[in-house]
Every structure is written in structure tokens, then in C-alpha cells.
Amino acid sequence: MLRLLSDENFNGDIGRGLFLRQPSLDLLRVQDVGLQEVDDPAILDWAASNGRILLTHDRATMPNFAYERLSQGQPMPGLFVINDRMPVRQVIDELVLLIDASGQDEWNGLVLYLPL
């Protein structure tokens, strides 16, 4: 099962829906680990240190910081950039598919944009 971290502005309805579909889901929010109001590089660093794929709606800056980490040879366990205009149900369906059909290590160093 994938180990996930959602950033501060990630839609809470998606998280709640994921837990309804996957009660044993390993998903933390940045608010749960004391990272609210922290800049993107620090969130990516925490995710890398804790082996968690980051879920975000931030298409503007987060991918750039992820690619910067990779260019500097730093670990980046994965970034899922979810379009905030996607219907919540579609996001949940696609994330459940990824959670069920892939392993944590498959996403190392990758940025994935949803919808698929």
C-alpha cells in the first residue's frame, strides 16, 4: 500500500472519500505532522525523509520544487498533482486505482498528473 501525505490545501473531501473506500489507507495531512504554513521545499523534504508520496493541487510551484530536488540528486518519493477541477469521485477512483495497482517504489522520482 502506498504511503501518502497531502499538502495543506488538498481537498479534505478527497481524503475522507479515500478513507471510506480504503479504511486502512496510510495517508497523513501536513497539518497532522506540524507542517502547516510551511514552504513547498520543506514539505517535499519531510515527505522524502518519511518515504511518502505527496498529494497536491498545486500545479504552479510544487512540481518545480520536486524537479529541483531531483536535479540536485535529492530523494523524491513521488508527487501526484491532482487537477482541482476534477470531480471528487473521479479523483478518489483514480487514486484508489493507483493505491491498489502499484507499489511505493514505482513512484520514486516521478511526478504524476491526474486525471490519468
N, C-alpha and C. Protein backbone atom coordinates (compact mmCIF):
# COMPACT_ATOMS: atom_id res chain seq x y z
N MET A 1 0.83 -1.18 0.00
CA MET A 1 0.00 0.00 0.00
C MET A 1 0.88 1.25 0.00
N LEU A 2 0.43 2.25 -0.73
CA LEU A 2 1.19 3.49 -0.82
C LEU A 2 1.10 4.27 0.49
N ARG A 3 2.22 4.92 0.82
CA ARG A 3 2.28 5.82 1.97
C ARG A 3 2.16 7.24 1.42
N LEU A 4 1.14 7.97 1.86
CA LEU A 4 0.82 9.27 1.26
C LEU A 4 0.85 10.39 2.29
N LEU A 5 1.07 11.60 1.77
CA LEU A 5 1.00 12.84 2.54
C LEU A 5 0.24 13.84 1.68
N SER A 6 -0.78 14.47 2.24
CA SER A 6 -1.49 15.50 1.47
C SER A 6 -1.05 16.87 1.95
N ASP A 7 -0.89 17.80 1.02
CA ASP A 7 -0.45 19.13 1.41
C ASP A 7 -1.60 19.93 2.01
N GLU A 8 -1.29 21.11 2.47
CA GLU A 8 -2.21 21.90 3.29
C GLU A 8 -3.53 22.23 2.60
N ASN A 9 -3.49 22.49 1.32
CA ASN A 9 -4.70 22.91 0.61
C ASN A 9 -5.38 21.78 -0.15
N PHE A 10 -4.99 20.55 0.14
CA PHE A 10 -5.59 19.42 -0.54
C PHE A 10 -7.04 19.26 -0.08
N ASN A 11 -7.93 18.98 -1.01
CA ASN A 11 -9.36 18.88 -0.74
C ASN A 11 -9.65 17.77 0.29
N GLY A 12 -10.15 18.17 1.44
CA GLY A 12 -10.44 17.22 2.51
C GLY A 12 -11.50 16.20 2.14
N ASP A 13 -12.42 16.56 1.23
CA ASP A 13 -13.44 15.60 0.79
C ASP A 13 -12.79 14.40 0.10
N ILE A 14 -11.70 14.65 -0.60
CA ILE A 14 -10.99 13.55 -1.26
C ILE A 14 -10.40 12.61 -0.20
N GLY A 15 -9.76 13.19 0.80
CA GLY A 15 -9.18 12.37 1.87
C GLY A 15 -10.24 11.55 2.58
N ARG A 16 -11.36 12.18 2.92
CA ARG A 16 -12.43 11.45 3.60
C ARG A 16 -12.98 10.33 2.71
N GLY A 17 -13.16 10.62 1.43
CA GLY A 17 -13.65 9.61 0.50
C GLY A 17 -12.68 8.45 0.34
N LEU A 18 -11.38 8.76 0.34
CA LEU A 18 -10.38 7.69 0.25
C LEU A 18 -10.46 6.77 1.46
N PHE A 19 -10.61 7.36 2.65
CA PHE A 19 -10.70 6.54 3.86
C PHE A 19 -11.97 5.69 3.88
N LEU A 20 -13.05 6.19 3.28
CA LEU A 20 -14.27 5.38 3.18
C LEU A 20 -14.05 4.16 2.29
N ARG A 21 -13.28 4.36 1.22
CA ARG A 21 -13.02 3.26 0.28
C ARG A 21 -11.89 2.36 0.74
N GLN A 22 -10.94 2.94 1.45
CA GLN A 22 -9.74 2.20 1.90
C GLN A 22 -9.51 2.51 3.39
N PRO A 23 -10.23 1.88 4.30
CA PRO A 23 -10.11 2.21 5.72
C PRO A 23 -8.70 2.08 6.29
N SER A 24 -7.88 1.22 5.69
CA SER A 24 -6.51 1.05 6.20
C SER A 24 -5.50 1.95 5.48
N LEU A 25 -5.99 2.92 4.73
CA LEU A 25 -5.15 3.83 3.96
C LEU A 25 -4.10 4.49 4.86
N ASP A 26 -2.88 4.59 4.35
CA ASP A 26 -1.79 5.25 5.07
C ASP A 26 -1.62 6.66 4.50
N LEU A 27 -2.46 7.57 4.96
CA LEU A 27 -2.47 8.95 4.49
C LEU A 27 -2.39 9.89 5.68
N LEU A 28 -1.39 10.76 5.65
CA LEU A 28 -1.25 11.83 6.64
C LEU A 28 -1.47 13.16 5.94
N ARG A 29 -1.91 14.15 6.70
CA ARG A 29 -2.00 15.52 6.19
C ARG A 29 -0.84 16.31 6.78
N VAL A 30 -0.39 17.32 6.08
CA VAL A 30 0.70 18.14 6.63
C VAL A 30 0.30 18.71 7.98
N GLN A 31 -0.99 18.98 8.17
CA GLN A 31 -1.47 19.50 9.45
C GLN A 31 -1.27 18.49 10.58
N ASP A 32 -1.30 17.20 10.24
CA ASP A 32 -1.12 16.14 11.24
C ASP A 32 0.31 16.05 11.74
N VAL A 33 1.26 16.52 10.95
CA VAL A 33 2.67 16.36 11.30
C VAL A 33 3.36 17.71 11.55
N GLY A 34 2.56 18.75 11.79
CA GLY A 34 3.12 20.05 12.16
C GLY A 34 3.73 20.84 11.03
N LEU A 35 3.28 20.61 9.80
CA LEU A 35 3.86 21.30 8.66
C LEU A 35 2.93 22.35 8.03
N GLN A 36 1.87 22.75 8.74
CA GLN A 36 1.01 23.77 8.16
C GLN A 36 1.78 25.09 8.04
N GLU A 37 1.49 25.79 6.98
CA GLU A 37 2.13 27.08 6.66
C GLU A 37 3.64 26.96 6.45
N VAL A 38 4.09 25.79 6.04
CA VAL A 38 5.50 25.56 5.73
C VAL A 38 5.66 25.63 4.22
N ASP A 39 6.82 26.08 3.74
CA ASP A 39 7.00 26.23 2.29
C ASP A 39 7.13 24.87 1.60
N ASP A 40 6.91 24.88 0.30
CA ASP A 40 6.89 23.66 -0.50
C ASP A 40 8.16 22.82 -0.37
N PRO A 41 9.36 23.43 -0.46
CA PRO A 41 10.57 22.60 -0.34
C PRO A 41 10.65 21.85 0.99
N ALA A 42 10.19 22.47 2.07
CA ALA A 42 10.23 21.80 3.37
C ALA A 42 9.25 20.63 3.41
N ILE A 43 8.10 20.79 2.78
CA ILE A 43 7.12 19.70 2.72
C ILE A 43 7.68 18.54 1.91
N LEU A 44 8.28 18.84 0.76
CA LEU A 44 8.89 17.79 -0.06
C LEU A 44 10.02 17.10 0.69
N ASP A 45 10.78 17.86 1.45
CA ASP A 45 11.88 17.29 2.23
C ASP A 45 11.33 16.33 3.29
N TRP A 46 10.27 16.74 3.99
CA TRP A 46 9.66 15.87 5.00
C TRP A 46 9.11 14.61 4.35
N ALA A 47 8.43 14.77 3.23
CA ALA A 47 7.88 13.61 2.51
C ALA A 47 9.00 12.64 2.13
N ALA A 48 10.12 13.18 1.64
CA ALA A 48 11.24 12.33 1.24
C ALA A 48 11.85 11.64 2.47
N SER A 49 12.01 12.36 3.55
CA SER A 49 12.60 11.78 4.77
C SER A 49 11.73 10.69 5.36
N ASN A 50 10.42 10.77 5.10
CA ASN A 50 9.48 9.82 5.68
C ASN A 50 8.89 8.86 4.64
N GLY A 51 9.45 8.88 3.43
CA GLY A 51 9.05 7.94 2.40
C GLY A 51 7.59 8.02 2.01
N ARG A 52 7.09 9.25 1.81
CA ARG A 52 5.67 9.44 1.49
C ARG A 52 5.52 10.17 0.16
N ILE A 53 4.60 9.68 -0.64
CA ILE A 53 4.22 10.34 -1.89
C ILE A 53 3.33 11.51 -1.52
N LEU A 54 3.62 12.66 -2.10
CA LEU A 54 2.86 13.87 -1.78
C LEU A 54 1.69 14.04 -2.74
N LEU A 55 0.51 14.32 -2.19
CA LEU A 55 -0.68 14.66 -2.96
C LEU A 55 -0.87 16.16 -2.90
N THR A 56 -1.05 16.79 -4.05
CA THR A 56 -1.21 18.24 -4.08
C THR A 56 -2.13 18.66 -5.22
N HIS A 57 -2.70 19.85 -5.06
CA HIS A 57 -3.42 20.50 -6.15
C HIS A 57 -2.55 21.61 -6.76
N ASP A 58 -1.40 21.86 -6.17
CA ASP A 58 -0.52 22.98 -6.55
C ASP A 58 0.29 22.64 -7.81
N ARG A 59 -0.28 23.00 -8.95
CA ARG A 59 0.41 22.78 -10.23
C ARG A 59 1.43 23.87 -10.52
N ALA A 60 1.30 25.01 -9.84
CA ALA A 60 2.12 26.18 -10.16
C ALA A 60 3.55 26.05 -9.63
N THR A 61 3.73 25.60 -8.39
CA THR A 61 5.07 25.61 -7.82
C THR A 61 5.59 24.25 -7.37
N MET A 62 4.71 23.39 -6.86
CA MET A 62 5.17 22.13 -6.27
C MET A 62 5.95 21.26 -7.27
N PRO A 63 5.48 21.07 -8.51
CA PRO A 63 6.27 20.25 -9.44
C PRO A 63 7.66 20.83 -9.69
N ASN A 64 7.77 22.14 -9.77
CA ASN A 64 9.08 22.75 -10.00
C ASN A 64 10.04 22.43 -8.85
N PHE A 65 9.55 22.52 -7.62
CA PHE A 65 10.40 22.18 -6.48
C PHE A 65 10.76 20.70 -6.48
N ALA A 66 9.82 19.85 -6.91
CA ALA A 66 10.11 18.41 -6.98
C ALA A 66 11.21 18.14 -8.01
N TYR A 67 11.10 18.76 -9.18
CA TYR A 67 12.12 18.57 -10.22
C TYR A 67 13.46 19.15 -9.77
N GLU A 68 13.43 20.25 -9.02
CA GLU A 68 14.66 20.83 -8.49
C GLU A 68 15.36 19.84 -7.55
N ARG A 69 14.57 19.18 -6.68
CA ARG A 69 15.15 18.15 -5.79
C ARG A 69 15.84 17.07 -6.61
N LEU A 70 15.15 16.61 -7.65
CA LEU A 70 15.71 15.54 -8.48
C LEU A 70 16.99 16.00 -9.18
N SER A 71 17.01 17.23 -9.68
CA SER A 71 18.20 17.72 -10.38
C SER A 71 19.40 17.85 -9.44
N GLN A 72 19.12 17.99 -8.15
CA GLN A 72 20.19 18.09 -7.15
C GLN A 72 20.54 16.73 -6.54
N GLY A 73 19.93 15.67 -7.08
CA GLY A 73 20.23 14.34 -6.60
C GLY A 73 19.59 14.00 -5.26
N GLN A 74 18.60 14.77 -4.86
CA GLN A 74 17.91 14.51 -3.60
C GLN A 74 16.76 13.53 -3.83
N PRO A 75 16.42 12.76 -2.81
CA PRO A 75 15.31 11.81 -2.98
C PRO A 75 13.97 12.53 -3.12
N MET A 76 13.09 11.92 -3.89
CA MET A 76 11.73 12.43 -4.06
C MET A 76 10.84 11.23 -4.31
N PRO A 77 10.13 10.76 -3.26
CA PRO A 77 9.39 9.51 -3.37
C PRO A 77 8.15 9.55 -4.25
N GLY A 78 7.87 10.67 -4.87
CA GLY A 78 6.74 10.77 -5.79
C GLY A 78 5.86 11.96 -5.47
N LEU A 79 5.25 12.48 -6.51
CA LEU A 79 4.35 13.62 -6.38
C LEU A 79 3.16 13.37 -7.30
N PHE A 80 1.96 13.38 -6.72
CA PHE A 80 0.74 13.26 -7.50
C PHE A 80 0.08 14.64 -7.52
N VAL A 81 0.03 15.25 -8.70
CA VAL A 81 -0.54 16.58 -8.87
C VAL A 81 -1.95 16.40 -9.41
N ILE A 82 -2.94 16.71 -8.58
CA ILE A 82 -4.33 16.47 -8.93
C ILE A 82 -5.00 17.77 -9.34
N ASN A 83 -5.58 17.77 -10.53
CA ASN A 83 -6.30 18.94 -11.01
C ASN A 83 -7.46 19.23 -10.05
N ASP A 84 -7.51 20.45 -9.54
CA ASP A 84 -8.54 20.79 -8.55
C ASP A 84 -9.93 20.96 -9.17
N ARG A 85 -10.02 20.84 -10.48
CA ARG A 85 -11.32 20.91 -11.14
C ARG A 85 -11.90 19.52 -11.44
N MET A 86 -11.15 18.50 -11.12
CA MET A 86 -11.65 17.13 -11.30
C MET A 86 -12.76 16.87 -10.30
N PRO A 87 -13.79 16.14 -10.71
CA PRO A 87 -14.81 15.74 -9.74
C PRO A 87 -14.18 14.88 -8.64
N VAL A 88 -14.62 15.11 -7.41
CA VAL A 88 -14.05 14.40 -6.26
C VAL A 88 -14.12 12.89 -6.46
N ARG A 89 -15.24 12.40 -6.93
CA ARG A 89 -15.40 10.95 -7.13
C ARG A 89 -14.36 10.42 -8.12
N GLN A 90 -14.09 11.15 -9.18
CA GLN A 90 -13.10 10.72 -10.16
C GLN A 90 -11.71 10.68 -9.54
N VAL A 91 -11.38 11.70 -8.74
CA VAL A 91 -10.07 11.72 -8.07
C VAL A 91 -9.93 10.50 -7.17
N ILE A 92 -10.96 10.23 -6.39
CA ILE A 92 -10.93 9.09 -5.48
C ILE A 92 -10.76 7.79 -6.27
N ASP A 93 -11.53 7.63 -7.34
CA ASP A 93 -11.42 6.41 -8.16
C ASP A 93 -10.02 6.23 -8.71
N GLU A 94 -9.42 7.31 -9.22
CA GLU A 94 -8.08 7.20 -9.81
C GLU A 94 -7.03 6.94 -8.75
N LEU A 95 -7.16 7.59 -7.59
CA LEU A 95 -6.18 7.35 -6.53
C LEU A 95 -6.31 5.93 -5.98
N VAL A 96 -7.52 5.42 -5.82
CA VAL A 96 -7.70 4.05 -5.36
C VAL A 96 -7.06 3.08 -6.36
N LEU A 97 -7.22 3.34 -7.64
CA LEU A 97 -6.58 2.51 -8.65
C LEU A 97 -5.06 2.51 -8.48
N LEU A 98 -4.48 3.68 -8.28
CA LEU A 98 -3.03 3.78 -8.09
C LEU A 98 -2.60 3.07 -6.81
N ILE A 99 -3.37 3.25 -5.75
CA ILE A 99 -3.03 2.63 -4.46
C ILE A 99 -3.08 1.11 -4.57
N ASP A 100 -4.11 0.60 -5.24
CA ASP A 100 -4.28 -0.85 -5.35
C ASP A 100 -3.35 -1.51 -6.36
N ALA A 101 -2.96 -0.79 -7.38
CA ALA A 101 -2.27 -1.42 -8.51
C ALA A 101 -0.78 -1.09 -8.60
N SER A 102 -0.24 -0.37 -7.62
CA SER A 102 1.17 -0.02 -7.72
C SER A 102 1.83 -0.10 -6.35
N GLY A 103 3.14 -0.11 -6.39
CA GLY A 103 3.93 -0.15 -5.16
C GLY A 103 4.63 1.17 -4.93
N GLN A 104 5.00 1.40 -3.70
CA GLN A 104 5.63 2.66 -3.29
C GLN A 104 6.86 3.00 -4.15
N ASP A 105 7.72 2.03 -4.36
CA ASP A 105 8.97 2.28 -5.07
C ASP A 105 8.79 2.64 -6.54
N GLU A 106 7.64 2.29 -7.11
CA GLU A 106 7.39 2.61 -8.52
C GLU A 106 7.31 4.11 -8.78
N TRP A 107 7.06 4.90 -7.74
CA TRP A 107 6.85 6.34 -7.92
C TRP A 107 8.07 7.17 -7.56
N ASN A 108 9.17 6.53 -7.13
CA ASN A 108 10.38 7.27 -6.79
C ASN A 108 10.81 8.15 -7.96
N GLY A 109 10.97 9.43 -7.68
CA GLY A 109 11.47 10.36 -8.69
C GLY A 109 10.47 10.74 -9.77
N LEU A 110 9.19 10.42 -9.58
CA LEU A 110 8.20 10.71 -10.62
C LEU A 110 7.17 11.73 -10.17
N VAL A 111 6.73 12.53 -11.12
CA VAL A 111 5.63 13.46 -10.91
C VAL A 111 4.51 12.98 -11.83
N LEU A 112 3.36 12.71 -11.24
CA LEU A 112 2.21 12.21 -11.99
C LEU A 112 1.10 13.24 -11.91
N TYR A 113 0.53 13.55 -13.06
CA TYR A 113 -0.58 14.49 -13.13
C TYR A 113 -1.89 13.72 -13.31
N LEU A 114 -2.89 14.03 -12.48
CA LEU A 114 -4.22 13.46 -12.61
C LEU A 114 -5.14 14.55 -13.15
N PRO A 115 -6.06 14.22 -14.07
CA PRO A 115 -6.53 12.90 -14.38
C PRO A 115 -5.52 12.11 -15.20
N LEU A 116 -5.65 10.77 -15.08
CA LEU A 116 -4.76 9.86 -15.81
C LEU A 116 -4.97 9.97 -17.30
